[in-house]
């Protein structure tokens, strides 16, 4: 993204403000590729309950094309990635008759333990039924932070 980007998005430098600035637009994904030590580009990785990003324990995906099966490389979907400031809801129907996801805006449907999964962002948490805000990302001091409570698989 740059100041002359035709999509109207722009990058915000760390020195432009002391106050956090909300970034609105598409966070474009780069297709993931397996390497000897993991994955470069975009990937999905599932942590078991009680695990951590730093130490795992990670779920192995037998369908992964990565050398380390705890990584599932993904490719961008039709929207190119995650859009902030709005929802990327599930299509209707959300699944085909075999249980495979039809959601393909954020990522292209990806094999994960014998069933293709996709990612969506919805206004309600499916477990609690509570409203959740659309994804938002901020930059402050050169660091990105935000919330993605609307994310679902």
N, C-alpha and C. Protein backbone atom coordinates (compact mmCIF):
# COMPACT_ATOMS: atom_id res chain seq x y z
N UNK A 1 0.84 -1.18 0.00
CA UNK A 1 0.00 0.00 0.00
C UNK A 1 0.88 1.23 0.00
N UNK A 2 0.49 2.22 -0.70
CA UNK A 2 1.24 3.46 -0.74
C UNK A 2 0.30 4.64 -0.88
N UNK A 3 0.83 5.86 -0.80
CA UNK A 3 -0.02 7.03 -0.86
C UNK A 3 -0.74 7.18 -2.20
N UNK A 4 -0.22 6.58 -3.26
CA UNK A 4 -0.86 6.68 -4.56
C UNK A 4 -1.58 5.40 -4.95
N UNK A 5 -1.87 4.55 -3.99
CA UNK A 5 -2.52 3.28 -4.25
C UNK A 5 -3.91 3.52 -4.84
N UNK A 6 -4.25 2.86 -5.95
CA UNK A 6 -5.54 3.10 -6.59
C UNK A 6 -6.72 2.65 -5.74
N UNK A 7 -6.51 1.81 -4.73
CA UNK A 7 -7.61 1.37 -3.88
C UNK A 7 -7.93 2.42 -2.81
N UNK A 8 -7.16 3.48 -2.73
CA UNK A 8 -7.40 4.52 -1.75
C UNK A 8 -6.82 4.21 -0.38
N UNK A 9 -6.10 3.10 -0.25
CA UNK A 9 -5.47 2.74 1.01
C UNK A 9 -4.13 3.44 1.09
N UNK A 10 -3.65 3.65 2.29
CA UNK A 10 -2.32 4.24 2.42
C UNK A 10 -1.61 3.69 3.63
N UNK A 11 -0.32 3.60 3.52
CA UNK A 11 0.50 3.14 4.63
C UNK A 11 0.73 4.30 5.58
N UNK A 12 0.84 3.99 6.85
CA UNK A 12 1.08 5.01 7.86
C UNK A 12 2.41 4.72 8.50
N UNK A 13 3.34 5.67 8.44
CA UNK A 13 4.66 5.49 9.03
C UNK A 13 4.64 5.67 10.53
N UNK A 14 5.61 5.10 11.20
CA UNK A 14 5.68 5.16 12.66
C UNK A 14 5.84 6.58 13.16
N UNK A 15 6.46 7.44 12.37
CA UNK A 15 6.72 8.79 12.85
C UNK A 15 5.57 9.75 12.55
N UNK A 16 4.50 9.28 11.89
CA UNK A 16 3.44 10.19 11.48
C UNK A 16 2.55 10.63 12.64
N UNK A 17 2.50 9.88 13.72
CA UNK A 17 1.64 10.25 14.83
C UNK A 17 2.03 9.49 16.10
N UNK A 18 1.78 10.11 17.24
CA UNK A 18 1.99 9.42 18.51
C UNK A 18 0.73 8.65 18.89
N UNK A 19 -0.40 9.07 18.38
CA UNK A 19 -1.68 8.45 18.66
C UNK A 19 -1.89 7.28 17.71
N UNK A 20 -2.52 6.21 18.19
CA UNK A 20 -2.81 5.07 17.33
C UNK A 20 -3.73 5.51 16.20
N UNK A 21 -3.43 5.04 15.00
CA UNK A 21 -4.25 5.35 13.84
C UNK A 21 -4.84 4.05 13.31
N UNK A 22 -6.14 4.06 13.08
CA UNK A 22 -6.82 2.87 12.56
C UNK A 22 -6.56 2.76 11.07
N UNK A 23 -6.17 1.56 10.65
CA UNK A 23 -5.95 1.27 9.24
C UNK A 23 -7.20 0.61 8.68
N UNK A 24 -7.70 1.11 7.58
CA UNK A 24 -8.90 0.55 6.96
C UNK A 24 -8.56 0.17 5.54
N UNK A 25 -8.86 -1.06 5.18
CA UNK A 25 -8.58 -1.53 3.83
C UNK A 25 -8.33 -3.02 3.85
N UNK A 26 -7.69 -3.50 2.82
CA UNK A 26 -7.41 -4.93 2.68
C UNK A 26 -5.98 -5.23 3.09
N UNK A 27 -5.84 -6.15 4.02
CA UNK A 27 -4.53 -6.68 4.38
C UNK A 27 -4.30 -7.87 3.45
N UNK A 28 -3.58 -7.60 2.38
CA UNK A 28 -3.39 -8.59 1.32
C UNK A 28 -2.50 -9.74 1.78
N UNK A 29 -2.89 -10.94 1.40
CA UNK A 29 -2.14 -12.14 1.75
C UNK A 29 -1.22 -12.53 0.62
N UNK A 30 -0.09 -13.10 0.98
CA UNK A 30 0.86 -13.69 0.04
C UNK A 30 0.73 -15.19 0.19
N UNK A 31 0.64 -15.91 -0.90
CA UNK A 31 0.50 -17.37 -0.83
C UNK A 31 1.62 -17.97 0.00
N UNK A 32 1.26 -18.91 0.86
CA UNK A 32 2.24 -19.58 1.71
C UNK A 32 3.00 -20.66 0.96
N UNK A 33 4.27 -20.81 1.32
CA UNK A 33 5.15 -21.80 0.70
C UNK A 33 5.93 -22.51 1.80
N UNK A 34 6.03 -23.83 1.70
CA UNK A 34 6.76 -24.62 2.69
C UNK A 34 8.26 -24.40 2.57
N UNK A 35 8.92 -24.31 3.73
CA UNK A 35 10.38 -24.24 3.79
C UNK A 35 10.85 -25.31 4.77
N UNK A 36 12.13 -25.49 4.88
CA UNK A 36 12.69 -26.49 5.80
C UNK A 36 12.37 -26.16 7.26
N UNK A 37 12.17 -24.88 7.57
CA UNK A 37 11.93 -24.48 8.96
C UNK A 37 10.50 -24.02 9.23
N UNK A 38 9.60 -24.15 8.29
CA UNK A 38 8.22 -23.72 8.50
C UNK A 38 7.58 -23.31 7.19
N UNK A 39 7.05 -22.10 7.17
CA UNK A 39 6.35 -21.58 6.00
C UNK A 39 6.67 -20.11 5.84
N UNK A 40 6.89 -19.68 4.59
CA UNK A 40 6.97 -18.25 4.30
C UNK A 40 5.63 -17.85 3.70
N UNK A 41 5.27 -16.60 3.84
CA UNK A 41 3.97 -16.15 3.34
C UNK A 41 2.89 -16.45 4.36
N UNK A 42 1.67 -16.62 3.86
CA UNK A 42 0.51 -16.78 4.73
C UNK A 42 0.27 -18.24 5.07
N UNK A 43 -0.14 -18.47 6.33
CA UNK A 43 -0.41 -19.84 6.77
C UNK A 43 -1.43 -19.82 7.90
N UNK A 44 -2.00 -20.97 8.14
CA UNK A 44 -2.91 -21.19 9.25
C UNK A 44 -2.24 -22.19 10.17
N UNK A 45 -2.33 -21.94 11.47
CA UNK A 45 -1.74 -22.85 12.44
C UNK A 45 -2.67 -22.89 13.64
N UNK A 46 -3.08 -24.08 14.06
CA UNK A 46 -4.03 -24.22 15.15
C UNK A 46 -3.30 -24.66 16.42
N UNK A 47 -3.57 -23.95 17.52
CA UNK A 47 -2.96 -24.24 18.81
C UNK A 47 -3.97 -25.01 19.65
N UNK A 48 -3.52 -26.08 20.31
CA UNK A 48 -4.38 -26.83 21.23
C UNK A 48 -4.75 -25.95 22.42
N UNK A 49 -5.91 -26.20 23.05
CA UNK A 49 -6.27 -25.45 24.26
C UNK A 49 -5.14 -25.53 25.28
N UNK A 50 -4.85 -24.40 25.89
CA UNK A 50 -3.78 -24.33 26.87
C UNK A 50 -2.41 -24.07 26.26
N UNK A 51 -2.31 -24.13 24.94
CA UNK A 51 -1.04 -23.87 24.26
C UNK A 51 -0.81 -22.39 24.06
N UNK A 52 0.37 -22.07 23.56
CA UNK A 52 0.72 -20.67 23.29
C UNK A 52 1.35 -20.56 21.90
N UNK A 53 1.35 -19.35 21.37
CA UNK A 53 1.99 -19.11 20.09
C UNK A 53 3.48 -19.43 20.19
N UNK A 54 4.10 -19.08 21.30
CA UNK A 54 5.55 -19.30 21.46
C UNK A 54 5.91 -20.76 21.63
N UNK A 55 5.09 -21.53 22.35
CA UNK A 55 5.50 -22.88 22.66
C UNK A 55 4.62 -24.01 22.16
N UNK A 56 3.48 -23.68 21.53
CA UNK A 56 2.59 -24.73 21.06
C UNK A 56 1.78 -25.27 22.23
N UNK A 57 1.29 -26.32 22.11
CA UNK A 57 1.29 -27.46 21.24
C UNK A 57 0.38 -27.17 20.05
N UNK A 58 0.87 -27.52 18.84
CA UNK A 58 0.14 -27.25 17.62
C UNK A 58 -0.48 -28.52 17.05
N UNK A 59 -1.64 -28.36 16.45
CA UNK A 59 -2.35 -29.46 15.81
C UNK A 59 -1.71 -29.73 14.45
N UNK A 60 -1.40 -30.98 14.15
CA UNK A 60 -0.87 -31.35 12.84
C UNK A 60 -2.00 -31.57 11.85
N UNK A 61 -1.88 -30.99 10.67
CA UNK A 61 -2.85 -31.13 9.59
C UNK A 61 -2.28 -32.14 8.60
N UNK A 62 -2.83 -33.35 8.54
CA UNK A 62 -2.28 -34.35 7.62
C UNK A 62 -2.38 -33.95 6.16
N UNK A 63 -3.25 -32.99 5.83
CA UNK A 63 -3.41 -32.53 4.44
C UNK A 63 -2.47 -31.39 4.07
N UNK A 64 -1.69 -30.91 5.03
CA UNK A 64 -0.80 -29.79 4.76
C UNK A 64 0.27 -30.17 3.75
N UNK A 65 0.60 -29.22 2.87
CA UNK A 65 1.68 -29.42 1.90
C UNK A 65 3.03 -29.01 2.48
N UNK A 66 3.02 -28.53 3.73
CA UNK A 66 4.26 -28.10 4.39
C UNK A 66 5.02 -29.29 4.94
N UNK A 67 6.33 -29.16 5.04
CA UNK A 67 7.16 -30.19 5.65
C UNK A 67 6.75 -30.38 7.10
N UNK A 68 6.58 -29.29 7.84
CA UNK A 68 6.09 -29.31 9.21
C UNK A 68 4.57 -29.26 9.13
N UNK A 69 3.90 -30.36 9.41
CA UNK A 69 2.45 -30.48 9.24
C UNK A 69 1.64 -29.60 10.18
N UNK A 70 2.28 -28.91 11.12
CA UNK A 70 1.53 -27.99 11.98
C UNK A 70 1.26 -26.66 11.25
N UNK A 71 1.85 -26.49 10.10
CA UNK A 71 1.60 -25.31 9.25
C UNK A 71 0.71 -25.71 8.09
N UNK A 72 -0.29 -24.90 7.79
CA UNK A 72 -1.12 -25.09 6.60
C UNK A 72 -0.96 -23.84 5.74
N UNK A 73 -0.11 -23.88 4.71
CA UNK A 73 0.03 -22.72 3.83
C UNK A 73 -1.32 -22.39 3.19
N UNK A 74 -1.64 -21.12 3.06
CA UNK A 74 -2.89 -20.70 2.44
C UNK A 74 -2.61 -19.74 1.28
N UNK A 75 -3.58 -19.63 0.41
CA UNK A 75 -3.52 -18.69 -0.71
C UNK A 75 -4.61 -17.65 -0.53
N UNK A 76 -4.39 -16.44 -1.05
CA UNK A 76 -5.42 -15.41 -0.91
C UNK A 76 -6.70 -15.80 -1.63
N UNK A 77 -7.82 -15.36 -1.08
CA UNK A 77 -9.12 -15.60 -1.70
C UNK A 77 -9.47 -14.51 -2.69
N UNK A 78 -10.72 -14.44 -3.07
CA UNK A 78 -11.18 -13.51 -4.10
C UNK A 78 -11.04 -12.05 -3.70
N UNK A 79 -11.09 -11.74 -2.40
CA UNK A 79 -10.90 -10.36 -1.92
C UNK A 79 -9.43 -10.04 -1.72
N UNK A 80 -8.57 -11.05 -1.81
CA UNK A 80 -7.13 -10.84 -1.66
C UNK A 80 -6.62 -10.93 -0.25
N UNK A 81 -7.53 -10.98 0.74
CA UNK A 81 -7.10 -11.06 2.13
C UNK A 81 -8.16 -10.55 3.07
N UNK A 82 -7.73 -10.14 4.26
CA UNK A 82 -8.63 -9.67 5.32
C UNK A 82 -8.94 -8.19 5.13
N UNK A 83 -10.22 -7.86 5.11
CA UNK A 83 -10.66 -6.47 5.01
C UNK A 83 -11.02 -5.99 6.41
N UNK A 84 -10.50 -4.83 6.79
CA UNK A 84 -10.83 -4.25 8.09
C UNK A 84 -11.97 -3.25 7.92
N UNK A 85 -12.69 -3.03 9.02
CA UNK A 85 -13.76 -2.05 9.01
C UNK A 85 -15.09 -2.56 8.49
N UNK A 86 -15.14 -3.80 8.02
CA UNK A 86 -16.40 -4.40 7.58
C UNK A 86 -16.28 -5.91 7.70
N UNK A 87 -17.40 -6.58 7.54
CA UNK A 87 -17.44 -8.03 7.64
C UNK A 87 -17.26 -8.67 6.26
N UNK A 88 -16.68 -9.85 6.24
CA UNK A 88 -16.59 -10.70 5.05
C UNK A 88 -17.35 -11.97 5.42
N UNK A 89 -18.66 -11.88 5.34
CA UNK A 89 -19.56 -12.92 5.85
C UNK A 89 -19.52 -14.19 5.02
N UNK A 90 -19.99 -15.26 5.63
CA UNK A 90 -20.09 -16.55 4.96
C UNK A 90 -21.11 -16.47 3.83
N UNK A 91 -20.86 -17.18 2.73
CA UNK A 91 -21.86 -17.23 1.66
C UNK A 91 -23.06 -18.08 2.11
N UNK A 92 -24.10 -18.05 1.34
CA UNK A 92 -25.25 -18.89 1.63
C UNK A 92 -25.53 -19.76 0.41
N UNK A 93 -25.35 -21.06 0.53
CA UNK A 93 -24.97 -21.81 1.72
C UNK A 93 -23.48 -21.64 2.02
N UNK A 94 -23.12 -21.89 3.27
CA UNK A 94 -21.73 -21.75 3.70
C UNK A 94 -20.89 -22.97 3.36
N UNK A 95 -21.57 -24.14 3.20
CA UNK A 95 -20.87 -25.39 2.95
C UNK A 95 -21.55 -26.15 1.83
N UNK A 96 -20.75 -26.92 1.09
CA UNK A 96 -21.33 -27.80 0.07
C UNK A 96 -21.74 -29.11 0.74
N UNK A 97 -22.39 -29.99 0.00
CA UNK A 97 -22.97 -31.20 0.58
C UNK A 97 -21.96 -32.11 1.29
N UNK A 98 -20.69 -32.06 0.90
CA UNK A 98 -19.65 -32.87 1.54
C UNK A 98 -19.04 -32.24 2.77
N UNK A 99 -19.51 -31.05 3.15
CA UNK A 99 -19.00 -30.37 4.34
C UNK A 99 -17.88 -29.40 4.08
N UNK A 100 -17.47 -29.27 2.82
CA UNK A 100 -16.38 -28.34 2.48
C UNK A 100 -16.89 -26.90 2.47
N UNK A 101 -16.06 -25.99 2.97
CA UNK A 101 -16.41 -24.58 3.02
C UNK A 101 -16.51 -23.99 1.61
N UNK A 102 -17.50 -23.12 1.42
CA UNK A 102 -17.63 -22.38 0.18
C UNK A 102 -17.15 -20.94 0.35
N UNK A 103 -16.70 -20.59 1.56
CA UNK A 103 -16.19 -19.24 1.84
C UNK A 103 -14.82 -19.10 1.21
N UNK A 104 -14.68 -18.19 0.26
CA UNK A 104 -13.40 -18.05 -0.43
C UNK A 104 -12.94 -16.62 -0.61
N UNK A 105 -13.47 -15.68 0.15
CA UNK A 105 -13.07 -14.28 0.00
C UNK A 105 -11.73 -13.98 0.66
N UNK A 106 -11.53 -14.41 1.91
CA UNK A 106 -10.30 -14.10 2.64
C UNK A 106 -9.17 -15.01 2.18
N UNK A 107 -9.41 -16.33 2.24
CA UNK A 107 -8.45 -17.32 1.73
C UNK A 107 -9.19 -18.24 0.78
N UNK A 108 -8.46 -18.84 -0.14
CA UNK A 108 -9.04 -19.89 -0.98
C UNK A 108 -9.30 -21.07 -0.05
N UNK A 109 -10.45 -21.76 -0.18
CA UNK A 109 -10.69 -22.91 0.69
C UNK A 109 -9.48 -23.84 0.71
N UNK A 110 -9.13 -24.28 1.92
CA UNK A 110 -7.89 -24.99 2.20
C UNK A 110 -8.16 -26.35 2.83
N UNK A 111 -7.56 -27.45 2.30
CA UNK A 111 -7.76 -28.75 2.95
C UNK A 111 -7.18 -28.76 4.37
N UNK A 112 -8.01 -29.18 5.30
CA UNK A 112 -7.59 -29.29 6.70
C UNK A 112 -8.28 -30.52 7.27
N UNK A 113 -7.53 -31.55 7.49
CA UNK A 113 -8.02 -32.85 7.98
C UNK A 113 -9.22 -33.35 7.18
N UNK A 114 -9.04 -33.43 5.87
CA UNK A 114 -9.98 -34.04 4.92
C UNK A 114 -11.17 -33.17 4.54
N UNK A 115 -11.29 -31.97 5.08
CA UNK A 115 -12.39 -31.07 4.70
C UNK A 115 -11.81 -29.69 4.42
N UNK A 116 -12.22 -29.09 3.31
CA UNK A 116 -11.75 -27.73 2.99
C UNK A 116 -12.36 -26.73 3.96
N UNK A 117 -11.52 -25.86 4.51
CA UNK A 117 -12.04 -24.80 5.36
C UNK A 117 -11.77 -23.46 4.71
N UNK A 118 -12.57 -22.50 5.08
CA UNK A 118 -12.41 -21.12 4.64
C UNK A 118 -12.48 -20.24 5.87
N UNK A 119 -12.21 -18.97 5.69
CA UNK A 119 -12.29 -18.00 6.79
C UNK A 119 -13.29 -16.93 6.44
N UNK A 120 -14.05 -16.50 7.43
CA UNK A 120 -15.03 -15.42 7.27
C UNK A 120 -14.96 -14.51 8.49
N UNK A 121 -15.58 -13.35 8.39
CA UNK A 121 -15.79 -12.49 9.55
C UNK A 121 -17.28 -12.19 9.59
N UNK A 122 -17.91 -12.50 10.71
CA UNK A 122 -19.36 -12.36 10.86
C UNK A 122 -19.70 -11.46 12.03
N UNK A 123 -20.85 -10.79 11.98
CA UNK A 123 -21.24 -9.87 13.05
C UNK A 123 -21.63 -10.51 14.37
N UNK A 124 -21.88 -11.84 14.37
CA UNK A 124 -22.22 -12.53 15.61
C UNK A 124 -21.30 -13.71 15.84
N UNK A 125 -20.86 -13.87 17.09
CA UNK A 125 -20.07 -15.03 17.49
C UNK A 125 -21.00 -16.24 17.45
N UNK A 126 -20.62 -17.30 16.70
CA UNK A 126 -21.53 -18.44 16.57
C UNK A 126 -21.73 -19.22 17.87
N UNK A 127 -20.78 -19.16 18.79
CA UNK A 127 -20.90 -19.91 20.04
C UNK A 127 -21.78 -19.17 21.04
N UNK A 128 -21.50 -17.88 21.24
CA UNK A 128 -22.23 -17.12 22.25
C UNK A 128 -23.46 -16.42 21.69
N UNK A 129 -23.48 -16.18 20.38
CA UNK A 129 -24.58 -15.43 19.77
C UNK A 129 -24.47 -13.94 19.98
N UNK A 130 -23.37 -13.50 20.63
CA UNK A 130 -23.18 -12.08 20.92
C UNK A 130 -22.62 -11.35 19.71
N UNK A 131 -22.99 -10.08 19.58
CA UNK A 131 -22.47 -9.23 18.51
C UNK A 131 -20.98 -8.99 18.72
N UNK A 132 -20.22 -9.00 17.64
CA UNK A 132 -18.80 -8.68 17.68
C UNK A 132 -18.51 -7.63 16.61
N UNK A 133 -17.54 -6.75 16.86
CA UNK A 133 -17.23 -5.71 15.88
C UNK A 133 -16.46 -6.28 14.69
N UNK A 134 -16.49 -5.58 13.56
CA UNK A 134 -15.67 -6.03 12.43
C UNK A 134 -14.19 -5.92 12.79
N UNK A 135 -13.33 -6.65 12.08
CA UNK A 135 -11.90 -6.58 12.37
C UNK A 135 -11.39 -5.13 12.29
N UNK A 136 -10.48 -4.82 13.19
CA UNK A 136 -9.84 -3.50 13.15
C UNK A 136 -8.36 -3.67 13.50
N UNK A 137 -7.54 -2.89 12.82
CA UNK A 137 -6.09 -2.92 13.03
C UNK A 137 -5.63 -1.47 13.20
N UNK A 138 -4.77 -1.25 14.19
CA UNK A 138 -4.21 0.07 14.44
C UNK A 138 -2.69 0.00 14.35
N UNK A 139 -2.11 1.16 14.08
CA UNK A 139 -0.65 1.28 14.11
C UNK A 139 -0.30 2.39 15.09
N UNK A 140 0.68 2.11 15.93
CA UNK A 140 1.19 3.10 16.87
C UNK A 140 2.64 2.76 17.14
N UNK A 141 3.50 3.74 16.99
CA UNK A 141 4.92 3.53 17.25
C UNK A 141 5.53 2.46 16.37
N UNK A 142 5.01 2.31 15.16
CA UNK A 142 5.53 1.33 14.21
C UNK A 142 5.06 -0.10 14.47
N UNK A 143 4.13 -0.29 15.42
CA UNK A 143 3.63 -1.63 15.73
C UNK A 143 2.15 -1.73 15.42
N UNK A 144 1.78 -2.87 14.83
CA UNK A 144 0.38 -3.15 14.53
C UNK A 144 -0.26 -3.88 15.69
N UNK A 145 -1.50 -3.55 15.99
CA UNK A 145 -2.29 -4.28 16.96
C UNK A 145 -3.74 -4.17 16.52
N UNK A 146 -4.59 -4.98 17.10
CA UNK A 146 -5.98 -4.89 16.73
C UNK A 146 -6.79 -6.03 17.30
N UNK A 147 -8.02 -6.16 16.80
CA UNK A 147 -8.90 -7.23 17.24
C UNK A 147 -9.55 -7.87 16.01
N UNK A 148 -9.69 -9.18 16.09
CA UNK A 148 -10.31 -9.94 14.99
C UNK A 148 -11.33 -10.94 15.58
N UNK A 149 -12.12 -10.47 16.56
CA UNK A 149 -13.10 -11.35 17.21
C UNK A 149 -14.14 -11.88 16.23
N UNK A 150 -14.34 -11.24 15.10
CA UNK A 150 -15.33 -11.68 14.12
C UNK A 150 -14.82 -12.85 13.26
N UNK A 151 -13.53 -13.19 13.38
CA UNK A 151 -12.93 -14.28 12.59
C UNK A 151 -13.59 -15.61 12.93
N UNK A 152 -13.93 -16.37 11.89
CA UNK A 152 -14.44 -17.72 12.06
C UNK A 152 -13.87 -18.59 10.96
N UNK A 153 -13.84 -19.89 11.21
CA UNK A 153 -13.43 -20.81 10.16
C UNK A 153 -14.60 -21.63 9.70
